[in-house]
Amino acid sequence: MTENVDVPLPEGHGVSVRFAPSRAFDPAAFPSGGAGMVGTADDVLRVLEAAYEGMSGALTLAMRDAVYGV
């Protein structure tokens, strides 16, 4: 993704969201707090697998079962 990409939102949810990935590495940038994590698809998959397996301690077993429908 390049800088300042405007991604349109579905109707009724606003106009668009602007992405600026370089902000993640800029110590002077304001921490937006809801923008999500920065990483590759493999990074996201590792986080999900760790949460599912319980290795990271990110989710209790009850939370995991609710999230994954186990």
PDB file of N, CA and C in Angstrom:
ATOM      1  N   MET A   1       0.853  -1.167   0.000  1.00  0.00           N
ATOM      2  CA  MET A   1       0.000   0.000   0.000  1.00  0.00           C
ATOM      3  C   MET A   1       0.898   1.230   0.000  1.00  0.00           C
ATOM      4  N   THR A   2       0.516   2.184  -0.792  1.00  0.00           N
ATOM      5  CA  THR A   2       1.272   3.426  -0.845  1.00  0.00           C
ATOM      6  C   THR A   2       0.722   4.408   0.183  1.00  0.00           C
ATOM      7  N   GLU A   3       1.325   5.559   0.279  1.00  0.00           N
ATOM      8  CA  GLU A   3       0.913   6.578   1.246  1.00  0.00           C
ATOM      9  C   GLU A   3      -0.383   7.261   0.859  1.00  0.00           C
ATOM     10  N   ASN A   4      -1.136   7.638   1.889  1.00  0.00           N
ATOM     11  CA  ASN A   4      -2.349   8.431   1.735  1.00  0.00           C
ATOM     12  C   ASN A   4      -3.340   7.848   0.733  1.00  0.00           C
ATOM     13  N   VAL A   5      -3.626   6.570   0.902  1.00  0.00           N
ATOM     14  CA  VAL A   5      -4.617   5.903   0.075  1.00  0.00           C
ATOM     15  C   VAL A   5      -5.975   6.079   0.738  1.00  0.00           C
ATOM     16  N   ASP A   6      -6.935   6.627   0.012  1.00  0.00           N
ATOM     17  CA  ASP A   6      -8.299   6.771   0.517  1.00  0.00           C
ATOM     18  C   ASP A   6      -9.104   5.556   0.088  1.00  0.00           C
ATOM     19  N   VAL A   7      -9.599   4.803   1.072  1.00  0.00           N
ATOM     20  CA  VAL A   7     -10.401   3.609   0.806  1.00  0.00           C
ATOM     21  C   VAL A   7     -11.856   3.949   1.123  1.00  0.00           C
ATOM     22  N   PRO A   8     -12.738   3.860   0.125  1.00  0.00           N
ATOM     23  CA  PRO A   8     -14.139   4.214   0.362  1.00  0.00           C
ATOM     24  C   PRO A   8     -14.803   3.240   1.327  1.00  0.00           C
ATOM     25  N   LEU A   9     -15.686   3.775   2.150  1.00  0.00           N
ATOM     26  CA  LEU A   9     -16.454   2.967   3.099  1.00  0.00           C
ATOM     27  C   LEU A   9     -17.820   2.639   2.511  1.00  0.00           C
ATOM     28  N   PRO A  10     -18.462   1.574   3.001  1.00  0.00           N
ATOM     29  CA  PRO A  10     -19.810   1.256   2.529  1.00  0.00           C
ATOM     30  C   PRO A  10     -20.769   2.407   2.832  1.00  0.00           C
ATOM     31  N   GLU A  11     -21.805   2.517   2.040  1.00  0.00           N
ATOM     32  CA  GLU A  11     -22.785   3.581   2.205  1.00  0.00           C
ATOM     33  C   GLU A  11     -23.343   3.591   3.624  1.00  0.00           C
ATOM     34  N   GLY A  12     -23.425   4.758   4.202  1.00  0.00           N
ATOM     35  CA  GLY A  12     -23.942   4.911   5.551  1.00  0.00           C
ATOM     36  C   GLY A  12     -22.891   4.823   6.644  1.00  0.00           C
ATOM     37  N   HIS A  13     -21.636   4.578   6.262  1.00  0.00           N
ATOM     38  CA  HIS A  13     -20.563   4.445   7.246  1.00  0.00           C
ATOM     39  C   HIS A  13     -19.505   5.520   7.110  1.00  0.00           C
ATOM     40  N   GLY A  14     -19.821   6.589   6.441  1.00  0.00           N
ATOM     41  CA  GLY A  14     -18.851   7.655   6.232  1.00  0.00           C
ATOM     42  C   GLY A  14     -18.425   7.703   4.786  1.00  0.00           C
ATOM     43  N   VAL A  15     -17.391   8.466   4.516  1.00  0.00           N
ATOM     44  CA  VAL A  15     -16.949   8.650   3.139  1.00  0.00           C
ATOM     45  C   VAL A  15     -15.787   7.719   2.805  1.00  0.00           C
ATOM     46  N   SER A  16     -14.688   7.848   3.563  1.00  0.00           N
ATOM     47  CA  SER A  16     -13.526   7.004   3.290  1.00  0.00           C
ATOM     48  C   SER A  16     -12.599   6.988   4.504  1.00  0.00           C
ATOM     49  N   VAL A  17     -11.634   6.091   4.449  1.00  0.00           N
ATOM     50  CA  VAL A  17     -10.583   6.004   5.452  1.00  0.00           C
ATOM     51  C   VAL A  17      -9.272   6.214   4.717  1.00  0.00           C
ATOM     52  N   ARG A  18      -8.413   7.062   5.268  1.00  0.00           N
ATOM     53  CA  ARG A  18      -7.115   7.314   4.640  1.00  0.00           C
ATOM     54  C   ARG A  18      -6.043   6.504   5.371  1.00  0.00           C
ATOM     55  N   PHE A  19      -5.269   5.762   4.609  1.00  0.00           N
ATOM     56  CA  PHE A  19      -4.185   4.962   5.167  1.00  0.00           C
ATOM     57  C   PHE A  19      -2.841   5.625   4.849  1.00  0.00           C
ATOM     58  N   ALA A  20      -1.985   5.682   5.850  1.00  0.00           N
ATOM     59  CA  ALA A  20      -0.633   6.217   5.696  1.00  0.00           C
ATOM     60  C   ALA A  20       0.306   5.302   6.489  1.00  0.00           C
ATOM     61  N   PRO A  21       0.713   4.174   5.886  1.00  0.00           N
ATOM     62  CA  PRO A  21       1.504   3.168   6.602  1.00  0.00           C
ATOM     63  C   PRO A  21       2.793   3.675   7.234  1.00  0.00           C
ATOM     64  N   SER A  22       3.425   4.697   6.674  1.00  0.00           N
ATOM     65  CA  SER A  22       4.699   5.157   7.227  1.00  0.00           C
ATOM     66  C   SER A  22       4.544   5.750   8.621  1.00  0.00           C
ATOM     67  N   ARG A  23       3.315   6.143   9.007  1.00  0.00           N
ATOM     68  CA  ARG A  23       3.086   6.688  10.347  1.00  0.00           C
ATOM     69  C   ARG A  23       3.486   5.697  11.438  1.00  0.00           C
ATOM     70  N   ALA A  24       3.410   4.422  11.151  1.00  0.00           N
ATOM     71  CA  ALA A  24       3.749   3.409  12.150  1.00  0.00           C
ATOM     72  C   ALA A  24       5.208   3.504  12.581  1.00  0.00           C
ATOM     73  N   PHE A  25       6.049   4.039  11.716  1.00  0.00           N
ATOM     74  CA  PHE A  25       7.483   4.114  12.002  1.00  0.00           C
ATOM     75  C   PHE A  25       7.950   5.539  12.298  1.00  0.00           C
ATOM     76  N   ASP A  26       6.989   6.464  12.424  1.00  0.00           N
ATOM     77  CA  ASP A  26       7.317   7.864  12.687  1.00  0.00           C
ATOM     78  C   ASP A  26       7.074   8.167  14.161  1.00  0.00           C
ATOM     79  N   PRO A  27       8.142   8.313  14.968  1.00  0.00           N
ATOM     80  CA  PRO A  27       7.954   8.546  16.400  1.00  0.00           C
ATOM     81  C   PRO A  27       7.231   9.859  16.709  1.00  0.00           C
ATOM     82  N   ALA A  28       7.201  10.787  15.761  1.00  0.00           N
ATOM     83  CA  ALA A  28       6.522  12.059  15.985  1.00  0.00           C
ATOM     84  C   ALA A  28       5.036  12.004  15.607  1.00  0.00           C
ATOM     85  N   ALA A  29       4.611  10.928  14.970  1.00  0.00           N
ATOM     86  CA  ALA A  29       3.212  10.819  14.546  1.00  0.00           C
ATOM     87  C   ALA A  29       2.319  10.581  15.748  1.00  0.00           C
ATOM     88  N   PHE A  30       1.148  11.185  15.726  1.00  0.00           N
ATOM     89  CA  PHE A  30       0.175  10.983  16.789  1.00  0.00           C
ATOM     90  C   PHE A  30      -0.306   9.539  16.738  1.00  0.00           C
ATOM     91  N   PRO A  31      -0.304   8.809  17.883  1.00  0.00           N
ATOM     92  CA  PRO A  31      -0.780   7.422  17.885  1.00  0.00           C
ATOM     93  C   PRO A  31      -2.294   7.388  17.720  1.00  0.00           C
ATOM     94  N   SER A  32      -2.763   6.941  16.595  1.00  0.00           N
ATOM     95  CA  SER A  32      -4.191   7.023  16.290  1.00  0.00           C
ATOM     96  C   SER A  32      -5.018   6.034  17.086  1.00  0.00           C
ATOM     97  N   GLY A  33      -4.454   4.963  17.551  1.00  0.00           N
ATOM     98  CA  GLY A  33      -5.149   4.042  18.432  1.00  0.00           C
ATOM     99  C   GLY A  33      -6.281   3.289  17.833  1.00  0.00           C
ATOM    100  N   GLY A  34      -6.631   3.005  16.809  1.00  0.00           N
ATOM    101  CA  GLY A  34      -7.712   2.211  16.291  1.00  0.00           C
ATOM    102  C   GLY A  34      -7.401   1.830  14.882  1.00  0.00           C
ATOM    103  N   ALA A  35      -6.216   2.100  14.460  1.00  0.00           N
ATOM    104  CA  ALA A  35      -5.864   1.839  13.073  1.00  0.00           C
ATOM    105  C   ALA A  35      -5.491   0.380  12.842  1.00  0.00           C
ATOM    106  N   GLY A  36      -5.329  -0.391  13.889  1.00  0.00           N
ATOM    107  CA  GLY A  36      -4.983  -1.796  13.717  1.00  0.00           C
ATOM    108  C   GLY A  36      -3.494  -2.026  13.755  1.00  0.00           C
ATOM    109  N   MET A  37      -3.103  -3.253  13.429  1.00  0.00           N
ATOM    110  CA  MET A  37      -1.687  -3.572  13.472  1.00  0.00           C
ATOM    111  C   MET A  37      -1.061  -3.399  12.102  1.00  0.00           C
ATOM    112  N   VAL A  38       0.236  -3.238  12.093  1.00  0.00           N
ATOM    113  CA  VAL A  38       0.969  -3.098  10.849  1.00  0.00           C
ATOM    114  C   VAL A  38       1.747  -4.380  10.649  1.00  0.00           C
ATOM    115  N   GLY A  39       1.570  -5.008   9.514  1.00  0.00           N
ATOM    116  CA  GLY A  39       2.307  -6.230   9.237  1.00  0.00           C
ATOM    117  C   GLY A  39       1.847  -6.854   7.935  1.00  0.00           C
ATOM    118  N   THR A  40       2.443  -7.981   7.630  1.00  0.00           N
ATOM    119  CA  THR A  40       2.091  -8.717   6.422  1.00  0.00           C
ATOM    120  C   THR A  40       0.941  -9.675   6.721  1.00  0.00           C
ATOM    121  N   ALA A  41       0.414 -10.286   5.693  1.00  0.00           N
ATOM    122  CA  ALA A  41      -0.634 -11.287   5.874  1.00  0.00           C
ATOM    123  C   ALA A  41      -0.117 -12.435   6.739  1.00  0.00           C
ATOM    124  N   ASP A  42       1.147 -12.808   6.565  1.00  0.00           N
ATOM    125  CA  ASP A  42       1.739 -13.870   7.395  1.00  0.00           C
ATOM    126  C   ASP A  42       1.776 -13.459   8.865  1.00  0.00           C
ATOM    127  N   ASP A  43       2.075 -12.185   9.147  1.00  0.00           N
ATOM    128  CA  ASP A  43       2.091 -11.691  10.527  1.00  0.00           C
ATOM    129  C   ASP A  43       0.701 -11.807  11.152  1.00  0.00           C
ATOM    130  N   VAL A  44      -0.313 -11.408  10.412  1.00  0.00           N
ATOM    131  CA  VAL A  44      -1.685 -11.483  10.914  1.00  0.00           C
ATOM    132  C   VAL A  44      -2.060 -12.935  11.191  1.00  0.00           C
ATOM    133  N   LEU A  45      -1.707 -13.829  10.285  1.00  0.00           N
ATOM    134  CA  LEU A  45      -2.012 -15.246  10.478  1.00  0.00           C
ATOM    135  C   LEU A  45      -1.317 -15.789  11.723  1.00  0.00           C
ATOM    136  N   ARG A  46      -0.068 -15.391  11.966  1.00  0.00           N
ATOM    137  CA  ARG A  46       0.642 -15.837  13.168  1.00  0.00           C
ATOM    138  C   ARG A  46      -0.070 -15.375  14.435  1.00  0.00           C
ATOM    139  N   VAL A  47      -0.541 -14.141  14.444  1.00  0.00           N
ATOM    140  CA  VAL A  47      -1.264 -13.623  15.612  1.00  0.00           C
ATOM    141  C   VAL A  47      -2.548 -14.424  15.832  1.00  0.00           C
ATOM    142  N   LEU A  48      -3.296 -14.656  14.764  1.00  0.00           N
ATOM    143  CA  LEU A  48      -4.544 -15.417  14.893  1.00  0.00           C
ATOM    144  C   LEU A  48      -4.282 -16.843  15.355  1.00  0.00           C
ATOM    145  N   GLU A  49      -3.255 -17.477  14.814  1.00  0.00           N
ATOM    146  CA  GLU A  49      -2.922 -18.848  15.233  1.00  0.00           C
ATOM    147  C   GLU A  49      -2.508 -18.890  16.697  1.00  0.00           C
ATOM    148  N   ALA A  50      -1.717 -17.912  17.124  1.00  0.00           N
ATOM    149  CA  ALA A  50      -1.282 -17.873  18.522  1.00  0.00           C
ATOM    150  C   ALA A  50      -2.479 -17.676  19.441  1.00  0.00           C
ATOM    151  N   ALA A  51      -3.387 -16.800  19.066  1.00  0.00           N
ATOM    152  CA  ALA A  51      -4.576 -16.569  19.883  1.00  0.00           C
ATOM    153  C   ALA A  51      -5.435 -17.826  19.934  1.00  0.00           C
ATOM    154  N   TYR A  52      -5.577 -18.498  18.800  1.00  0.00           N
ATOM    155  CA  TYR A  52      -6.400 -19.707  18.750  1.00  0.00           C
ATOM    156  C   TYR A  52      -5.795 -20.821  19.588  1.00  0.00           C
ATOM    157  N   GLU A  53      -4.496 -20.983  19.497  1.00  0.00           N
ATOM    158  CA  GLU A  53      -3.817 -22.055  20.223  1.00  0.00           C
ATOM    159  C   GLU A  53      -3.638 -21.727  21.698  1.00  0.00           C
ATOM    160  N   GLY A  54      -3.833 -20.475  22.078  1.00  0.00           N
ATOM    161  CA  GLY A  54      -3.682 -20.092  23.467  1.00  0.00           C
ATOM    162  C   GLY A  54      -2.241 -19.858  23.882  1.00  0.00           C
ATOM    163  N   MET A  55      -1.316 -19.863  22.931  1.00  0.00           N
ATOM    164  CA  MET A  55       0.097 -19.714  23.260  1.00  0.00           C
ATOM    165  C   MET A  55       0.433 -18.303  23.726  1.00  0.00           C
ATOM    166  N   SER A  56      -0.293 -17.323  23.228  1.00  0.00           N
ATOM    167  CA  SER A  56       0.072 -15.952  23.553  1.00  0.00           C
ATOM    168  C   SER A  56      -0.579 -15.468  24.831  1.00  0.00           C
ATOM    169  N   GLY A  57      -1.588 -16.168  25.314  1.00  0.00           N
ATOM    170  CA  GLY A  57      -2.315 -15.709  26.473  1.00  0.00           C
ATOM    171  C   GLY A  57      -3.227 -14.538  26.150  1.00  0.00           C
ATOM    172  N   ALA A  58      -3.387 -14.239  24.867  1.00  0.00           N
ATOM    173  CA  ALA A  58      -4.208 -13.101  24.460  1.00  0.00           C
ATOM    174  C   ALA A  58      -5.683 -13.360  24.730  1.00  0.00           C
ATOM    175  N   LEU A  59      -6.098 -14.601  24.607  1.00  0.00           N
ATOM    176  CA  LEU A  59      -7.500 -14.947  24.821  1.00  0.00           C
ATOM    177  C   LEU A  59      -7.621 -16.048  25.871  1.00  0.00           C
ATOM    178  N   THR A  60      -8.622 -15.946  26.723  1.00  0.00           N
ATOM    179  CA  THR A  60      -8.933 -17.067  27.598  1.00  0.00           C
ATOM    180  C   THR A  60      -9.583 -18.140  26.722  1.00  0.00           C
ATOM    181  N   LEU A  61      -9.676 -19.361  27.215  1.00  0.00           N
ATOM    182  CA  LEU A  61     -10.305 -20.411  26.423  1.00  0.00           C
ATOM    183  C   LEU A  61     -11.756 -20.074  26.110  1.00  0.00           C
ATOM    184  N   ALA A  62     -12.468 -19.471  27.059  1.00  0.00           N
ATOM    185  CA  ALA A  62     -13.868 -19.104  26.826  1.00  0.00           C
ATOM    186  C   ALA A  62     -13.968 -18.047  25.726  1.00  0.00           C
ATOM    187  N   MET A  63     -13.058 -17.065  25.756  1.00  0.00           N
ATOM    188  CA  MET A  63     -13.063 -16.035  24.715  1.00  0.00           C
ATOM    189  C   MET A  63     -12.727 -16.660  23.367  1.00  0.00           C
ATOM    190  N   ARG A  64     -11.739 -17.530  23.350  1.00  0.00           N
ATOM    191  CA  ARG A  64     -11.355 -18.191  22.107  1.00  0.00           C
ATOM    192  C   ARG A  64     -12.527 -18.949  21.516  1.00  0.00           C
ATOM    193  N   ASP A  65     -13.225 -19.706  22.377  1.00  0.00           N
ATOM    194  CA  ASP A  65     -14.360 -20.487  21.894  1.00  0.00           C
ATOM    195  C   ASP A  65     -15.457 -19.592  21.346  1.00  0.00           C
ATOM    196  N   ALA A  66     -15.676 -18.439  21.988  1.00  0.00           N
ATOM    197  CA  ALA A  66     -16.705 -17.504  21.512  1.00  0.00           C
ATOM    198  C   ALA A  66     -16.300 -16.888  20.190  1.00  0.00           C
ATOM    199  N   VAL A  67     -15.028 -16.519  20.058  1.00  0.00           N
ATOM    200  CA  VAL A  67     -14.559 -15.871  18.837  1.00  0.00           C
ATOM    201  C   VAL A  67     -14.540 -16.852  17.671  1.00  0.00           C
ATOM    202  N   TYR A  68     -14.046 -18.057  17.919  1.00  0.00           N
ATOM    203  CA  TYR A  68     -13.866 -19.022  16.840  1.00  0.00           C
ATOM    204  C   TYR A  68     -15.016 -20.002  16.711  1.00  0.00           C
ATOM    205  N   GLY A  69     -16.011 -19.910  17.581  1.00  0.00           N
ATOM    206  CA  GLY A  69     -17.163 -20.796  17.494  1.00  0.00           C
ATOM    207  C   GLY A  69     -16.830 -22.255  17.731  1.00  0.00           C
ATOM    208  N   VAL A  70     -15.873 -22.496  18.620  1.00  0.00           N
ATOM    209  CA  VAL A  70     -15.431 -23.868  18.904  1.00  0.00           C
ATOM    210  C   VAL A  70     -16.382 -24.495  19.915  1.00  0.00           C
TER     211      VAL A  70
END
